[in-house]
Protein backbone atom coordinates (compact mmCIF):
# COMPACT_ATOMS: atom_id res chain seq x y z
CA UNK A 1 108.77 95.39 132.54
CA UNK A 2 106.84 92.66 130.83
CA UNK A 3 103.38 91.65 131.95
CA UNK A 4 103.21 88.44 133.97
CA UNK A 5 102.16 85.01 132.79
CA UNK A 6 98.42 84.63 133.41
CA UNK A 7 97.27 82.64 136.42
CA UNK A 8 93.64 83.70 136.57
CA UNK A 9 92.38 82.97 133.06
CA UNK A 10 93.17 86.44 131.73
CA UNK A 11 95.17 86.81 128.52
CA UNK A 12 98.73 88.00 128.54
CA UNK A 13 99.43 91.16 126.57
CA UNK A 14 102.93 92.51 126.07
CA UNK A 15 103.92 95.87 127.46
CA UNK A 16 104.67 96.97 123.92
CA UNK A 17 100.99 96.62 123.06
CA UNK A 18 100.44 99.81 124.99
CA UNK A 19 103.25 101.71 123.31
CA UNK A 20 102.69 103.76 120.19
CA UNK A 21 104.55 104.44 117.00
CA UNK A 22 104.09 107.02 114.30
CA UNK A 23 100.44 107.81 113.74
CA UNK A 24 99.48 106.47 117.17
CA UNK A 25 99.23 102.84 116.06
CA UNK A 26 100.14 100.15 118.53
CA UNK A 27 103.29 98.08 118.08
CA UNK A 28 101.37 94.92 119.00
CA UNK A 29 97.73 93.84 118.98
CA UNK A 30 95.74 95.90 121.50
CA UNK A 31 94.37 94.27 124.64
CA UNK A 32 90.80 94.36 123.32
CA UNK A 33 91.86 92.34 120.27
CA UNK A 34 93.70 89.79 122.42
CA UNK A 35 90.50 89.36 124.43
CA UNK A 36 88.46 88.87 121.28
CA UNK A 37 90.89 86.35 119.81
CA UNK A 38 91.10 84.43 123.10
CA UNK A 39 87.30 84.19 123.21
CA UNK A 40 87.07 83.13 119.56
CA UNK A 41 90.42 81.52 118.57
CA UNK A 42 88.96 79.78 115.52
CA UNK A 43 88.50 83.18 113.86
CA UNK A 44 91.59 84.85 115.32
CA UNK A 45 93.08 85.72 111.89
CA UNK A 46 89.82 87.31 110.79
CA UNK A 47 89.54 89.34 114.00
CA UNK A 48 93.15 90.48 113.59
CA UNK A 49 92.62 91.47 109.94
CA UNK A 50 89.49 93.49 110.74
CA UNK A 51 91.18 95.29 113.62
CA UNK A 52 94.34 95.93 111.60
CA UNK A 53 92.41 97.73 108.86
CA UNK A 54 90.52 99.79 111.45
CA UNK A 55 93.56 100.75 113.51
CA UNK A 56 96.50 100.57 111.11
CA UNK A 57 94.86 101.57 107.82
CA UNK A 58 94.65 105.27 108.71
CA UNK A 59 98.29 105.27 109.81
CA UNK A 60 99.36 103.75 106.49
CA UNK A 61 97.33 106.30 104.54
CA UNK A 62 98.86 109.17 106.51
CA UNK A 63 102.36 107.76 105.99
CA UNK A 64 101.84 107.52 102.22
CA UNK A 65 100.60 111.11 101.97
CA UNK A 66 103.52 112.40 104.00
CA UNK A 67 106.06 110.31 102.09
CA UNK A 68 104.80 111.62 98.74
CA UNK A 69 104.91 115.19 100.01
CA UNK A 70 108.48 114.79 101.25
CA UNK A 71 109.67 112.69 98.28
CA UNK A 72 107.69 113.90 95.26
CA UNK A 73 110.10 112.14 92.90
CA UNK A 74 109.72 108.75 94.61
CA UNK A 75 107.89 106.03 92.70
CA UNK A 76 105.37 103.64 94.20
CA UNK A 77 108.02 100.93 94.06
CA UNK A 78 110.44 103.09 96.01
CA UNK A 79 107.91 103.84 98.73
CA UNK A 80 106.88 100.19 98.94
CA UNK A 81 110.52 99.17 99.33
CA UNK A 82 110.92 101.67 102.18
CA UNK A 83 107.91 100.20 103.95
CA UNK A 84 109.10 96.64 103.43
CA UNK A 85 112.56 97.35 104.85
CA UNK A 86 111.05 99.06 107.86
CA UNK A 87 108.70 96.24 108.78
CA UNK A 88 110.99 93.34 107.90
CA UNK A 89 113.44 94.82 110.40
CA UNK A 90 110.69 95.03 112.98
CA UNK A 91 109.65 91.44 112.28
CA UNK A 92 113.24 90.33 112.73
CA UNK A 93 113.25 91.86 116.18
CA UNK A 94 109.72 90.88 117.20
CA UNK A 95 110.54 87.49 118.75
CA UNK A 96 110.19 87.11 122.49
CA UNK A 97 108.81 90.62 122.99
CA UNK A 98 106.71 89.54 125.93
CA UNK A 99 109.48 88.25 128.14
CA UNK A 100 107.09 85.45 129.09
CA UNK A 101 108.05 81.80 128.82
CA UNK A 102 106.19 78.84 127.43
CA UNK A 103 102.81 78.96 125.76
CA UNK A 104 101.78 82.55 126.71
CA UNK A 105 105.07 83.97 125.49
CA UNK A 106 104.95 82.07 122.22
CA UNK A 107 101.37 83.17 121.50
CA UNK A 108 102.25 86.80 122.16
CA UNK A 109 105.36 86.64 120.00
CA UNK A 110 103.58 85.17 116.98
CA UNK A 111 100.66 87.58 117.47
CA UNK A 112 103.06 90.52 117.38
CA UNK A 113 104.61 89.09 114.21
CA UNK A 114 101.19 88.72 112.50
CA UNK A 115 100.29 92.29 113.52
CA UNK A 116 103.57 93.67 112.19
CA UNK A 117 103.05 91.82 108.91
CA UNK A 118 99.51 93.20 108.55
CA UNK A 119 100.88 96.67 109.14
CA UNK A 120 103.46 96.15 106.41
CA UNK A 121 100.85 94.95 103.90
CA UNK A 122 98.70 98.03 104.51
CA UNK A 123 101.71 100.31 104.03
CA UNK A 124 102.59 98.55 100.76
CA UNK A 125 98.99 99.02 99.60
CA UNK A 126 99.16 102.71 100.44
CA UNK A 127 102.49 103.05 98.63
CA UNK A 128 100.81 101.78 95.46
CA UNK A 129 97.84 104.13 95.84
CA UNK A 130 95.41 101.52 97.17
CA UNK A 131 93.22 102.74 100.04
CA UNK A 132 94.49 100.90 103.17
CA UNK A 133 91.35 101.82 105.12
CA UNK A 134 88.94 100.08 102.73
CA UNK A 135 87.24 96.97 104.16
CA UNK A 136 88.52 94.92 101.20
CA UNK A 137 92.02 95.18 102.67
CA UNK A 138 90.99 92.75 105.41
CA UNK A 139 90.24 90.12 102.76
CA UNK A 140 93.53 90.95 101.05
CA UNK A 141 95.37 90.31 104.31
CA UNK A 142 93.80 86.89 104.75
CA UNK A 143 94.60 85.85 101.18
CA UNK A 144 98.13 87.25 101.18
CA UNK A 145 98.84 85.55 104.51
CA UNK A 146 97.39 82.32 103.09
CA UNK A 147 94.62 81.97 105.64
CA UNK A 148 92.17 81.74 102.73
CA UNK A 149 92.74 80.95 99.08
CA UNK A 150 90.07 83.11 97.46
CA UNK A 151 88.36 86.40 98.23
CA UNK A 152 84.90 84.84 98.52
CA UNK A 153 85.84 82.55 101.41
CA UNK A 154 87.84 85.33 103.06
CA UNK A 155 84.88 87.72 102.96
CA UNK A 156 82.54 85.03 104.29
CA UNK A 157 84.85 84.31 107.23
CA UNK A 158 85.26 88.04 107.91
CA UNK A 159 81.49 88.38 107.98
CA UNK A 160 81.23 85.56 110.51
CA UNK A 161 83.96 87.10 112.67
CA UNK A 162 82.33 90.53 112.52
CA UNK A 163 79.00 88.99 113.52
CA UNK A 164 80.60 87.23 116.47
CA UNK A 165 82.26 90.48 117.47
CA UNK A 166 78.90 92.27 117.50
CA UNK A 167 77.23 89.42 119.38
CA UNK A 168 80.01 89.38 121.94
CA UNK A 169 79.65 93.11 122.49
CA UNK A 170 75.90 92.76 123.02
CA UNK A 171 75.67 89.53 125.00
CA UNK A 172 79.18 88.85 126.28
CA UNK A 173 81.18 85.70 125.65
CA UNK A 174 78.47 83.37 126.84
CA UNK A 175 78.80 79.64 127.37
CA UNK A 176 81.35 77.77 129.44
CA UNK A 177 84.90 78.97 128.69
CA UNK A 178 87.35 76.34 127.48
CA UNK A 179 90.45 75.64 129.57
CA UNK A 180 92.96 78.45 129.14
CA UNK A 181 95.77 76.16 128.00
CA UNK A 182 93.66 74.67 125.21
CA UNK A 183 92.48 78.11 124.08
CA UNK A 184 96.00 79.52 124.01
CA UNK A 185 97.32 76.53 122.10
CA UNK A 186 94.61 76.86 119.47
CA UNK A 187 95.16 80.60 119.26
CA UNK A 188 98.90 80.08 118.86
CA UNK A 189 98.39 77.63 116.01
CA UNK A 190 96.02 79.95 114.14
CA UNK A 191 98.29 82.97 114.53
CA UNK A 192 101.37 80.95 113.55
CA UNK A 193 99.60 79.88 110.36
CA UNK A 194 98.68 83.49 109.62
CA UNK A 195 102.21 84.73 110.24
CA UNK A 196 103.64 82.17 107.84
CA UNK A 197 105.55 80.15 110.41
CA UNK A 198 105.90 77.04 108.30
CA UNK A 199 107.28 74.97 111.17
CA UNK A 200 104.05 75.48 113.10
CA UNK A 201 103.84 71.83 114.17
CA UNK A 202 107.36 71.89 115.49
CA UNK A 203 106.67 75.16 117.28
CA UNK A 204 103.51 73.78 118.87
CA UNK A 205 105.36 70.65 119.98
CA UNK A 206 107.81 72.87 121.84
CA UNK A 207 105.19 75.22 123.25
CA UNK A 208 104.52 73.76 126.68
CA UNK A 209 104.24 75.62 129.97
CA UNK A 210 107.66 76.30 131.41
CA UNK A 211 109.51 76.02 128.10
CA UNK A 212 111.25 79.16 126.87
CA UNK A 213 110.22 79.92 123.29
CA UNK A 214 112.08 82.35 121.07
CA UNK A 215 111.02 82.58 117.44
CA UNK A 216 114.17 82.67 115.35
CA UNK A 217 114.82 85.99 113.66
CA UNK A 218 115.50 84.15 110.41
CA UNK A 219 112.05 82.59 110.45
CA UNK A 220 110.35 85.92 111.16
CA UNK A 221 112.22 87.84 108.48
CA UNK A 222 111.92 85.06 105.90
CA UNK A 223 108.16 84.75 106.33
CA UNK A 224 107.77 88.53 106.25
CA UNK A 225 109.92 88.93 103.13
CA UNK A 226 107.83 86.32 101.33
CA UNK A 227 104.64 88.12 102.35
CA UNK A 228 106.13 91.43 101.19
CA UNK A 229 106.80 90.03 97.74
CA UNK A 230 103.24 88.72 97.41
CA UNK A 231 101.88 92.07 98.60
CA UNK A 232 103.94 94.07 96.13
CA UNK A 233 102.88 91.82 93.27
CA UNK A 234 99.21 92.24 94.19
CA UNK A 235 99.16 96.00 94.61
CA UNK A 236 101.51 96.64 91.70
CA UNK A 237 98.85 95.11 89.45
CA UNK A 238 95.83 96.58 91.16
CA UNK A 239 97.02 100.02 92.18
CA UNK A 240 94.15 102.46 92.73
CA UNK A 241 91.90 103.99 93.63
CA UNK A 242 94.32 106.49 95.09
CA UNK A 243 94.56 106.89 98.82
CA UNK A 244 91.94 109.57 99.58
CA UNK A 245 93.14 112.95 100.76
CA UNK A 246 91.61 114.16 104.05
CA UNK A 247 88.88 116.71 103.43
CA UNK A 248 89.26 120.24 104.73
CA UNK A 249 86.64 121.48 107.22
CA UNK A 250 85.22 123.93 104.68
CA UNK A 251 84.57 121.03 102.29
CA UNK A 252 82.64 118.90 104.75
CA UNK A 253 79.31 120.55 104.09
CA UNK A 254 79.74 121.04 100.38
CA UNK A 255 79.14 124.28 98.50
CA UNK A 256 76.50 126.64 99.78
CA UNK A 257 73.67 127.58 97.49
């Protein structure tokens, strides 16, 4: 059963955010990330990118190692295509996952789409031998998803978001919270931009409390396919260093004298 629409200022998170897929990664942004993005909607894409690398990068690395072991003849292009098909299908089905109507439901749906897309990008990176757990992947996500145009501005924004995350953990949100409706609207716009929903203005115009919002499957899959092509072009050119193999326990301490 889906979680209810908020009435007490708390964010809505879909039931699927608590479910797990292969590697233990969540199908949707975890509740802690929703909280962080609600408290700091201006930097929602940066918070999502940082969390995606932390949570989804290891899953992508594990998938790539297993795929190469099971398909030793498969090329990087073949593995990338497998990842793209998998996550484009998920994006196509990600609309209206929350079961909630109006603004909360729309924000959740587009957040799930942005999370699924980030997961796909990290799997494509891993397919091409690029370490999906490296902090640089967060900047890649923001550039590929057209939140930022160049790596320098992406890294600067990520640094700001990380600083706010640390400050929030130490001192709490602080200040007077903005009205929930305004926060959710701003968060929805930022996540829609990240997910590549080009009709963001039209979506926002429709996103009012009480209005049922369902993101069209064509819009989700189209935006995700475009992102997949950009991701494959990037990592095809910049493949490496290879995804690191996990060290065995006897290697952790190095060689004895």
